[in-house]
């Protein structure tokens, strides 16, 4: 499940570092989190959709990799990002 262009732009504007930022780890994590939440809603009604579940696991893995990178490189932004998105602790 993908998100609309308008929703992606909204998420990007909420989490960007500067005006032309589109690919920072914070933005990528926020977009992946939004897509993961959409897929979780999808699985409420489609419990046996294993093909989409595989995609969900790949997205979660990618988000975890980005979170580990952000934690390693910029601890303050990492803590701010997980607090904003309601992830982890």
Protein backbone atom coordinates (compact mmCIF):
# COMPACT_ATOMS: atom_id res chain seq x y z
CA UNK A 1 0.00 0.00 0.00
CA UNK A 2 1.41 3.32 -1.00
CA UNK A 3 0.56 6.73 0.35
CA UNK A 4 -0.73 9.62 -1.72
CA UNK A 5 1.58 12.29 -3.05
CA UNK A 6 -0.13 14.91 -0.88
CA UNK A 7 0.28 12.80 2.27
CA UNK A 8 3.94 12.12 1.44
CA UNK A 9 4.55 15.87 0.99
CA UNK A 10 2.86 16.56 4.32
CA UNK A 11 5.01 13.99 6.13
CA UNK A 12 8.12 15.34 4.39
CA UNK A 13 7.30 18.91 5.52
CA UNK A 14 6.82 17.78 9.12
CA UNK A 15 10.15 15.95 9.39
CA UNK A 16 12.61 17.71 7.10
CA UNK A 17 15.86 19.31 8.26
CA UNK A 18 15.74 22.25 5.83
CA UNK A 19 13.52 23.57 3.04
CA UNK A 20 14.84 21.39 0.21
CA UNK A 21 15.29 18.22 2.29
CA UNK A 22 13.66 15.16 0.75
CA UNK A 23 15.95 12.27 1.60
CA UNK A 24 17.29 12.67 5.11
CA UNK A 25 16.93 9.63 7.39
CA UNK A 26 14.27 11.43 9.42
CA UNK A 27 12.09 11.93 6.34
CA UNK A 28 12.62 8.36 5.13
CA UNK A 29 11.75 6.94 8.56
CA UNK A 30 8.60 9.06 8.78
CA UNK A 31 7.40 8.00 5.31
CA UNK A 32 8.09 4.33 6.05
CA UNK A 33 6.24 4.63 9.36
CA UNK A 34 3.20 6.06 7.59
CA UNK A 35 3.25 3.24 5.02
CA UNK A 36 3.63 0.63 7.79
CA UNK A 37 0.61 2.03 9.64
CA UNK A 38 -1.45 1.87 6.43
CA UNK A 39 -0.47 -1.77 5.92
CA UNK A 40 -1.35 -2.64 9.51
CA UNK A 41 -4.86 -1.30 8.87
CA UNK A 42 -5.00 -3.40 5.70
CA UNK A 43 -4.15 -6.57 7.63
CA UNK A 44 -7.08 -6.06 9.98
CA UNK A 45 -9.39 -7.12 7.16
CA UNK A 46 -7.02 -9.29 5.11
CA UNK A 47 -5.38 -11.68 7.54
CA UNK A 48 -4.12 -14.10 4.89
CA UNK A 49 -2.42 -11.60 2.59
CA UNK A 50 1.06 -13.07 2.92
CA UNK A 51 2.49 -11.28 -0.11
CA UNK A 52 1.82 -7.89 1.44
CA UNK A 53 3.07 -9.16 4.79
CA UNK A 54 6.43 -9.86 3.18
CA UNK A 55 6.55 -6.26 1.97
CA UNK A 56 5.65 -5.08 5.46
CA UNK A 57 8.54 -7.01 6.96
CA UNK A 58 10.91 -5.50 4.39
CA UNK A 59 9.71 -1.98 5.27
CA UNK A 60 10.11 -2.61 9.00
CA UNK A 61 13.62 -3.92 8.39
CA UNK A 62 14.51 -0.88 6.28
CA UNK A 63 13.14 1.47 8.94
CA UNK A 64 15.16 -0.30 11.65
CA UNK A 65 18.32 0.07 9.56
CA UNK A 66 17.68 3.77 9.12
CA UNK A 67 16.97 4.18 12.84
CA UNK A 68 20.22 2.43 13.75
CA UNK A 69 22.11 4.68 11.31
CA UNK A 70 20.50 7.82 12.74
CA UNK A 71 21.21 6.67 16.30
CA UNK A 72 24.86 6.10 15.41
CA UNK A 73 25.37 9.40 13.58
CA UNK A 74 23.07 11.94 15.25
CA UNK A 75 21.72 10.89 18.64
CA UNK A 76 19.68 14.08 19.23
CA UNK A 77 17.79 13.80 15.93
CA UNK A 78 17.23 10.09 16.61
CA UNK A 79 15.61 10.80 19.98
CA UNK A 80 13.50 13.59 18.50
CA UNK A 81 12.35 11.39 15.60
CA UNK A 82 11.27 8.42 17.71
CA UNK A 83 9.47 10.77 20.10
CA UNK A 84 7.62 12.49 17.22
CA UNK A 85 6.59 9.21 15.62
CA UNK A 86 5.83 7.35 18.85
CA UNK A 87 8.34 4.57 18.18
CA UNK A 88 10.17 2.45 20.70
CA UNK A 89 10.57 3.74 24.23
